PDB file of N, CA and C in Angstrom:
ATOM      1  N   UNK A   1      40.402  14.870   2.069  1.00  0.00           N
ATOM      2  CA  UNK A   1      39.601  14.266   3.255  1.00  0.00           C
ATOM      3  C   UNK A   1      39.848  15.215   4.369  1.00  0.00           C
ATOM      4  N   UNK A   2      38.688  15.524   5.001  1.00  0.00           N
ATOM      5  CA  UNK A   2      38.589  16.448   5.998  1.00  0.00           C
ATOM      6  C   UNK A   2      38.870  15.838   7.284  1.00  0.00           C
ATOM      7  N   UNK A   3      38.386  14.576   7.669  1.00  0.00           N
ATOM      8  CA  UNK A   3      38.485  13.877   8.846  1.00  0.00           C
ATOM      9  C   UNK A   3      39.183  12.451   8.632  1.00  0.00           C
ATOM     10  N   UNK A   4      40.047  12.141   9.624  1.00  0.00           N
ATOM     11  CA  UNK A   4      40.467  10.833   9.461  1.00  0.00           C
ATOM     12  C   UNK A   4      39.431   9.645   9.550  1.00  0.00           C
ATOM     13  N   UNK A   5      39.533   8.583   9.014  1.00  0.00           N
ATOM     14  CA  UNK A   5      38.579   7.500   9.057  1.00  0.00           C
ATOM     15  C   UNK A   5      38.188   7.019  10.516  1.00  0.00           C
ATOM     16  N   UNK A   6      39.108   7.095  11.354  1.00  0.00           N
ATOM     17  CA  UNK A   6      38.810   6.765  12.822  1.00  0.00           C
ATOM     18  C   UNK A   6      37.888   7.739  13.536  1.00  0.00           C
ATOM     19  N   UNK A   7      37.846   8.987  13.022  1.00  0.00           N
ATOM     20  CA  UNK A   7      36.939  10.056  13.632  1.00  0.00           C
ATOM     21  C   UNK A   7      35.477   9.769  13.303  1.00  0.00           C
ATOM     22  N   UNK A   8      35.236   9.134  12.072  1.00  0.00           N
ATOM     23  CA  UNK A   8      33.815   9.021  11.638  1.00  0.00           C
ATOM     24  C   UNK A   8      33.217   7.720  12.189  1.00  0.00           C
ATOM     25  N   UNK A   9      32.453   7.836  13.347  1.00  0.00           N
ATOM     26  CA  UNK A   9      31.761   6.683  13.855  1.00  0.00           C
ATOM     27  C   UNK A   9      30.263   6.845  13.535  1.00  0.00           C
ATOM     28  N   UNK A  10      29.402   5.974  14.104  1.00  0.00           N
ATOM     29  CA  UNK A  10      28.069   5.973  13.710  1.00  0.00           C
ATOM     30  C   UNK A  10      27.358   7.320  14.055  1.00  0.00           C
ATOM     31  N   UNK A  11      27.779   7.885  15.220  1.00  0.00           N
ATOM     32  CA  UNK A  11      27.005   9.142  15.555  1.00  0.00           C
ATOM     33  C   UNK A  11      27.412  10.393  14.693  1.00  0.00           C
ATOM     34  N   UNK A  12      28.691  10.343  14.159  1.00  0.00           N
ATOM     35  CA  UNK A  12      29.091  11.424  13.227  1.00  0.00           C
ATOM     36  C   UNK A  12      28.341  11.155  11.907  1.00  0.00           C
ATOM     37  N   UNK A  13      28.263   9.948  11.503  1.00  0.00           N
ATOM     38  CA  UNK A  13      27.494   9.508  10.299  1.00  0.00           C
ATOM     39  C   UNK A  13      25.944   9.977  10.327  1.00  0.00           C
ATOM     40  N   UNK A  14      25.374   9.662  11.418  1.00  0.00           N
ATOM     41  CA  UNK A  14      24.093  10.017  11.776  1.00  0.00           C
ATOM     42  C   UNK A  14      23.883  11.528  11.648  1.00  0.00           C
ATOM     43  N   UNK A  15      24.683  12.277  12.207  1.00  0.00           N
ATOM     44  CA  UNK A  15      24.691  13.775  12.153  1.00  0.00           C
ATOM     45  C   UNK A  15      24.715  14.313  10.677  1.00  0.00           C
ATOM     46  N   UNK A  16      25.540  13.557   9.902  1.00  0.00           N
ATOM     47  CA  UNK A  16      25.621  13.984   8.444  1.00  0.00           C
ATOM     48  C   UNK A  16      24.242  13.780   7.799  1.00  0.00           C
ATOM     49  N   UNK A  17      23.510  12.681   8.038  1.00  0.00           N
ATOM     50  CA  UNK A  17      22.334  12.485   7.469  1.00  0.00           C
ATOM     51  C   UNK A  17      21.209  13.388   7.912  1.00  0.00           C
ATOM     52  N   UNK A  18      21.313  13.727   9.240  1.00  0.00           N
ATOM     53  CA  UNK A  18      20.333  14.576   9.801  1.00  0.00           C
ATOM     54  C   UNK A  18      20.356  15.879   9.307  1.00  0.00           C
ATOM     55  N   UNK A  19      21.643  16.467   8.970  1.00  0.00           N
ATOM     56  CA  UNK A  19      21.642  17.818   8.287  1.00  0.00           C
ATOM     57  C   UNK A  19      21.083  17.627   6.889  1.00  0.00           C
ATOM     58  N   UNK A  20      21.306  16.529   6.090  1.00  0.00           N
ATOM     59  CA  UNK A  20      20.721  16.457   4.848  1.00  0.00           C
ATOM     60  C   UNK A  20      19.267  16.433   4.798  1.00  0.00           C
ATOM     61  N   UNK A  21      18.641  15.776   5.921  1.00  0.00           N
ATOM     62  CA  UNK A  21      17.280  15.639   6.094  1.00  0.00           C
ATOM     63  C   UNK A  21      16.710  16.964   6.382  1.00  0.00           C
ATOM     64  N   UNK A  22      17.445  17.724   7.214  1.00  0.00           N
ATOM     65  CA  UNK A  22      16.919  19.127   7.563  1.00  0.00           C
ATOM     66  C   UNK A  22      16.857  20.074   6.113  1.00  0.00           C
ATOM     67  N   UNK A  23      17.776  19.803   5.278  1.00  0.00           N
ATOM     68  CA  UNK A  23      17.817  20.543   4.185  1.00  0.00           C
ATOM     69  C   UNK A  23      16.587  20.079   3.130  1.00  0.00           C
ATOM     70  N   UNK A  24      16.340  18.921   3.270  1.00  0.00           N
ATOM     71  CA  UNK A  24      15.271  18.331   2.285  1.00  0.00           C
ATOM     72  C   UNK A  24      13.930  18.503   2.826  1.00  0.00           C
ATOM     73  N   UNK A  25      13.540  18.417   4.161  1.00  0.00           N
ATOM     74  CA  UNK A  25      12.297  18.309   4.748  1.00  0.00           C
ATOM     75  C   UNK A  25      12.084  19.568   5.626  1.00  0.00           C
ATOM     76  N   UNK A  26      12.973  20.214   6.186  1.00  0.00           N
ATOM     77  CA  UNK A  26      12.675  21.323   7.042  1.00  0.00           C
ATOM     78  C   UNK A  26      12.739  20.797   8.490  1.00  0.00           C
ATOM     79  N   UNK A  27      12.148  21.652   9.440  1.00  0.00           N
ATOM     80  CA  UNK A  27      12.264  21.258  10.920  1.00  0.00           C
ATOM     81  C   UNK A  27      11.611  19.983  11.172  1.00  0.00           C
ATOM     82  N   UNK A  28      12.182  19.201  12.195  1.00  0.00           N
ATOM     83  CA  UNK A  28      11.578  17.940  12.569  1.00  0.00           C
ATOM     84  C   UNK A  28      10.108  18.207  13.142  1.00  0.00           C
ATOM     85  N   UNK A  29       9.928  19.236  13.792  1.00  0.00           N
ATOM     86  CA  UNK A  29       8.619  19.477  14.396  1.00  0.00           C
ATOM     87  C   UNK A  29       7.507  19.576  13.393  1.00  0.00           C
ATOM     88  N   UNK A  30       7.861  19.787  12.107  1.00  0.00           N
ATOM     89  CA  UNK A  30       6.637  19.979  11.155  1.00  0.00           C
ATOM     90  C   UNK A  30       6.418  18.633  10.356  1.00  0.00           C
ATOM     91  N   UNK A  31       7.082  17.541  10.774  1.00  0.00           N
ATOM     92  CA  UNK A  31       6.789  16.304  10.215  1.00  0.00           C
ATOM     93  C   UNK A  31       6.123  15.354  11.276  1.00  0.00           C
ATOM     94  N   UNK A  32       5.520  14.274  10.823  1.00  0.00           N
ATOM     95  CA  UNK A  32       4.820  13.420  11.665  1.00  0.00           C
ATOM     96  C   UNK A  32       5.193  12.026  11.322  1.00  0.00           C
ATOM     97  N   UNK A  33       5.745  11.245  12.201  1.00  0.00           N
ATOM     98  CA  UNK A  33       6.293   9.881  11.974  1.00  0.00           C
ATOM     99  C   UNK A  33       5.071   8.684  12.137  1.00  0.00           C
ATOM    100  N   UNK A  34       4.015   9.135  12.676  1.00  0.00           N
ATOM    101  CA  UNK A  34       2.988   8.077  13.036  1.00  0.00           C
ATOM    102  C   UNK A  34       2.541   7.285  11.906  1.00  0.00           C
ATOM    103  N   UNK A  35       2.284   7.929  10.679  1.00  0.00           N
ATOM    104  CA  UNK A  35       1.914   7.015   9.558  1.00  0.00           C
ATOM    105  C   UNK A  35       2.966   6.039   9.118  1.00  0.00           C
ATOM    106  N   UNK A  36       4.172   6.340   9.174  1.00  0.00           N
ATOM    107  CA  UNK A  36       5.291   5.476   8.645  1.00  0.00           C
ATOM    108  C   UNK A  36       5.344   4.361   9.875  1.00  0.00           C
ATOM    109  N   UNK A  37       5.200   4.736  11.162  1.00  0.00           N
ATOM    110  CA  UNK A  37       5.203   3.759  12.154  1.00  0.00           C
ATOM    111  C   UNK A  37       4.105   2.695  12.057  1.00  0.00           C
ATOM    112  N   UNK A  38       2.876   3.205  11.755  1.00  0.00           N
ATOM    113  CA  UNK A  38       1.766   2.358  11.450  1.00  0.00           C
ATOM    114  C   UNK A  38       2.019   1.412  10.303  1.00  0.00           C
ATOM    115  N   UNK A  39       2.675   1.909   9.267  1.00  0.00           N
ATOM    116  CA  UNK A  39       3.031   1.107   8.098  1.00  0.00           C
ATOM    117  C   UNK A  39       3.955   0.125   8.306  1.00  0.00           C
ATOM    118  N   UNK A  40       5.039   0.330   9.223  1.00  0.00           N
ATOM    119  CA  UNK A  40       6.016  -0.538   9.648  1.00  0.00           C
ATOM    120  C   UNK A  40       5.394  -1.754  10.470  1.00  0.00           C
ATOM    121  N   UNK A  41       4.377  -1.434  11.189  1.00  0.00           N
ATOM    122  CA  UNK A  41       3.513  -2.378  11.939  1.00  0.00           C
ATOM    123  C   UNK A  41       2.960  -3.415  10.940  1.00  0.00           C
ATOM    124  N   UNK A  42       2.385  -2.833   9.849  1.00  0.00           N
ATOM    125  CA  UNK A  42       1.745  -3.611   8.826  1.00  0.00           C
ATOM    126  C   UNK A  42       2.765  -4.535   8.084  1.00  0.00           C
ATOM    127  N   UNK A  43       3.962  -3.973   7.846  1.00  0.00           N
ATOM    128  CA  UNK A  43       5.125  -4.752   7.141  1.00  0.00           C
ATOM    129  C   UNK A  43       5.479  -5.876   8.091  1.00  0.00           C
ATOM    130  N   UNK A  44       5.633  -5.608   9.401  1.00  0.00           N
ATOM    131  CA  UNK A  44       6.111  -6.594  10.354  1.00  0.00           C
ATOM    132  C   UNK A  44       5.174  -7.790  10.477  1.00  0.00           C
ATOM    133  N   UNK A  45       3.860  -7.639  10.136  1.00  0.00           N
ATOM    134  CA  UNK A  45       3.085  -8.749  10.187  1.00  0.00           C
ATOM    135  C   UNK A  45       3.274  -9.773   9.048  1.00  0.00           C
ATOM    136  N   UNK A  46       3.981  -9.296   7.998  1.00  0.00           N
ATOM    137  CA  UNK A  46       4.265 -10.209   6.938  1.00  0.00           C
ATOM    138  C   UNK A  46       5.612 -11.032   7.300  1.00  0.00           C
ATOM    139  N   UNK A  47       6.245 -10.868   8.338  1.00  0.00           N
ATOM    140  CA  UNK A  47       7.446 -11.613   8.620  1.00  0.00           C
ATOM    141  C   UNK A  47       7.070 -12.899   9.160  1.00  0.00           C
ATOM    142  N   UNK A  48       7.453 -13.968   8.476  1.00  0.00           N
ATOM    143  CA  UNK A  48       7.362 -15.364   8.951  1.00  0.00           C
ATOM    144  C   UNK A  48       8.733 -16.117   9.076  1.00  0.00           C
ATOM    145  N   UNK A  49       9.723 -15.586   8.416  1.00  0.00           N
ATOM    146  CA  UNK A  49      11.050 -16.153   8.553  1.00  0.00           C
ATOM    147  C   UNK A  49      11.967 -15.122   9.251  1.00  0.00           C
ATOM    148  N   UNK A  50      12.151 -15.324  10.584  1.00  0.00           N
ATOM    149  CA  UNK A  50      12.929 -14.542  11.364  1.00  0.00           C
ATOM    150  C   UNK A  50      14.446 -14.405  11.091  1.00  0.00           C
ATOM    151  N   UNK A  51      14.955 -15.330  10.268  1.00  0.00           N
ATOM    152  CA  UNK A  51      16.279 -15.211   9.866  1.00  0.00           C
ATOM    153  C   UNK A  51      16.487 -14.154   8.823  1.00  0.00           C
ATOM    154  N   UNK A  52      15.416 -13.953   7.921  1.00  0.00           N
ATOM    155  CA  UNK A  52      15.570 -12.937   6.965  1.00  0.00           C
ATOM    156  C   UNK A  52      14.218 -12.147   6.986  1.00  0.00           C
ATOM    157  N   UNK A  53      14.143 -11.187   7.857  1.00  0.00           N
ATOM    158  CA  UNK A  53      12.844 -10.412   8.027  1.00  0.00           C
ATOM    159  C   UNK A  53      12.537  -9.445   6.881  1.00  0.00           C
ATOM    160  N   UNK A  54      13.619  -8.836   6.339  1.00  0.00           N
ATOM    161  CA  UNK A  54      13.389  -7.895   5.322  1.00  0.00           C
ATOM    162  C   UNK A  54      12.900  -8.646   4.042  1.00  0.00           C
ATOM    163  N   UNK A  55      13.418  -9.777   3.792  1.00  0.00           N
ATOM    164  CA  UNK A  55      12.848 -10.494   2.644  1.00  0.00           C
ATOM    165  C   UNK A  55      11.406 -10.958   2.757  1.00  0.00           C
ATOM    166  N   UNK A  56      11.119 -11.319   3.944  1.00  0.00           N
ATOM    167  CA  UNK A  56       9.725 -11.685   4.245  1.00  0.00           C
ATOM    168  C   UNK A  56       8.768 -10.444   4.030  1.00  0.00           C
ATOM    169  N   UNK A  57       9.259  -9.355   4.560  1.00  0.00           N
ATOM    170  CA  UNK A  57       8.505  -8.191   4.339  1.00  0.00           C
ATOM    171  C   UNK A  57       8.221  -7.812   2.856  1.00  0.00           C
ATOM    172  N   UNK A  58       9.343  -7.972   2.068  1.00  0.00           N
ATOM    173  CA  UNK A  58       9.280  -7.694   0.707  1.00  0.00           C
ATOM    174  C   UNK A  58       8.313  -8.626  -0.025  1.00  0.00           C
ATOM    175  N   UNK A  59       8.478  -9.902   0.334  1.00  0.00           N
ATOM    176  CA  UNK A  59       7.518 -10.953  -0.286  1.00  0.00           C
ATOM    177  C   UNK A  59       6.031 -10.608   0.085  1.00  0.00           C
ATOM    178  N   UNK A  60       5.902 -10.293   1.351  1.00  0.00           N
ATOM    179  CA  UNK A  60       4.339  -9.955   1.790  1.00  0.00           C
ATOM    180  C   UNK A  60       3.883  -8.756   1.103  1.00  0.00           C
ATOM    181  N   UNK A  61       4.689  -7.811   0.939  1.00  0.00           N
ATOM    182  CA  UNK A  61       4.193  -6.558   0.273  1.00  0.00           C
ATOM    183  C   UNK A  61       4.070  -6.885  -1.079  1.00  0.00           C
ATOM    184  N   UNK A  62       4.807  -7.620  -1.839  1.00  0.00           N
ATOM    185  CA  UNK A  62       4.497  -8.012  -3.258  1.00  0.00           C
ATOM    186  C   UNK A  62       3.142  -8.731  -3.410  1.00  0.00           C
ATOM    187  N   UNK A  63       3.144  -9.660  -2.487  1.00  0.00           N
ATOM    188  CA  UNK A  63       1.881 -10.532  -2.508  1.00  0.00           C
ATOM    189  C   UNK A  63       0.621  -9.640  -2.328  1.00  0.00           C
ATOM    190  N   UNK A  64       0.668  -8.787  -1.345  1.00  0.00           N
ATOM    191  CA  UNK A  64      -0.469  -7.913  -1.045  1.00  0.00           C
ATOM    192  C   UNK A  64      -0.720  -6.968  -2.314  1.00  0.00           C
ATOM    193  N   UNK A  65       0.354  -6.423  -2.850  1.00  0.00           N
ATOM    194  CA  UNK A  65       0.054  -5.516  -4.083  1.00  0.00           C
ATOM    195  C   UNK A  65      -0.411  -6.419  -5.300  1.00  0.00           C
ATOM    196  N   UNK A  66      -0.033  -7.558  -5.614  1.00  0.00           N
ATOM    197  CA  UNK A  66      -0.537  -8.428  -6.593  1.00  0.00           C
ATOM    198  C   UNK A  66      -1.889  -8.803  -6.325  1.00  0.00           C
ATOM    199  N   UNK A  67      -2.283  -9.176  -5.199  1.00  0.00           N
ATOM    200  CA  UNK A  67      -3.758  -9.469  -4.867  1.00  0.00           C
ATOM    201  C   UNK A  67      -4.632  -8.282  -5.056  1.00  0.00           C
ATOM    202  N   UNK A  68      -4.160  -7.020  -4.615  1.00  0.00           N
ATOM    203  CA  UNK A  68      -4.894  -5.847  -4.889  1.00  0.00           C
ATOM    204  C   UNK A  68      -5.150  -5.618  -6.285  1.00  0.00           C
ATOM    205  N   UNK A  69      -3.994  -5.771  -7.192  1.00  0.00           N
ATOM    206  CA  UNK A  69      -4.131  -5.388  -8.585  1.00  0.00           C
ATOM    207  C   UNK A  69      -5.050  -6.420  -9.207  1.00  0.00           C
ATOM    208  N   UNK A  70      -4.949  -7.697  -8.905  1.00  0.00           N
ATOM    209  CA  UNK A  70      -5.910  -8.775  -9.474  1.00  0.00           C
ATOM    210  C   UNK A  70      -7.249  -8.429  -9.121  1.00  0.00           C
ATOM    211  N   UNK A  71      -7.539  -8.096  -7.893  1.00  0.00           N
ATOM    212  CA  UNK A  71      -8.958  -7.892  -7.486  1.00  0.00           C
ATOM    213  C   UNK A  71      -9.555  -6.628  -8.236  1.00  0.00           C
ATOM    214  N   UNK A  72      -8.748  -5.634  -8.471  1.00  0.00           N
ATOM    215  CA  UNK A  72      -9.282  -4.430  -9.183  1.00  0.00           C
ATOM    216  C   UNK A  72      -9.561  -4.800 -10.654  1.00  0.00           C
ATOM    217  N   UNK A  73      -8.571  -5.613 -11.163  1.00  0.00           N
ATOM    218  CA  UNK A  73      -8.656  -6.005 -12.550  1.00  0.00           C
ATOM    219  C   UNK A  73      -9.883  -6.867 -12.790  1.00  0.00           C
ATOM    220  N   UNK A  74     -10.155  -7.780 -11.895  1.00  0.00           N
ATOM    221  CA  UNK A  74     -11.245  -8.796 -11.980  1.00  0.00           C
ATOM    222  C   UNK A  74     -12.623  -7.988 -11.921  1.00  0.00           C
ATOM    223  N   UNK A  75     -12.583  -6.940 -11.014  1.00  0.00           N
ATOM    224  CA  UNK A  75     -13.763  -6.247 -10.849  1.00  0.00           C
ATOM    225  C   UNK A  75     -14.302  -5.333 -11.958  1.00  0.00           C
ATOM    226  N   UNK A  76     -13.267  -5.075 -12.795  1.00  0.00           N
ATOM    227  CA  UNK A  76     -13.512  -4.060 -14.009  1.00  0.00           C
ATOM    228  C   UNK A  76     -14.272  -4.955 -15.139  1.00  0.00           C
ATOM    229  N   UNK A  77     -13.953  -6.377 -15.127  1.00  0.00           N
ATOM    230  CA  UNK A  77     -14.564  -7.155 -16.180  1.00  0.00           C
ATOM    231  C   UNK A  77     -15.526  -8.077 -15.579  1.00  0.00           C
ATOM    232  N   UNK A  78     -16.119  -7.796 -14.322  1.00  0.00           N
ATOM    233  CA  UNK A  78     -17.188  -8.580 -13.757  1.00  0.00           C
ATOM    234  C   UNK A  78     -18.447  -8.395 -14.576  1.00  0.00           C
ATOM    235  N   UNK A  79     -19.091  -9.528 -14.759  1.00  0.00           N
ATOM    236  CA  UNK A  79     -20.313  -9.617 -15.563  1.00  0.00           C
ATOM    237  C   UNK A  79     -21.424  -9.456 -14.535  1.00  0.00           C
ATOM    238  N   UNK A  80     -22.331  -8.579 -14.733  1.00  0.00           N
ATOM    239  CA  UNK A  80     -23.390  -8.328 -13.910  1.00  0.00           C
ATOM    240  C   UNK A  80     -24.704  -9.251 -14.235  1.00  0.00           C
TER     241      UNK A  80
END
C-alpha cells in the first residue's frame, strides 16, 4: 500500500480516474461532451419517480428501445 486510507479522499480518487482517462482517450480538448449532455437531458425526461431516478431512467430507456424494435419489426412485415 502506497498511501494510508486517510490520504485517499474524493479528490485524490478523481485524479486517479482522470489519469486513466487521459491514457484511454487522449487530451481533454480533443473530446466533446455536448452529445453526452444532450443524451442525459433525454434520459432525465424519463424520470417520474424522484426517489429512484436511475431506475426510472433505465425503465424509460428500455421502454423506448422496445418500442423502437417493435416498430421496426412490424414495418418489415407490413402488408401493402
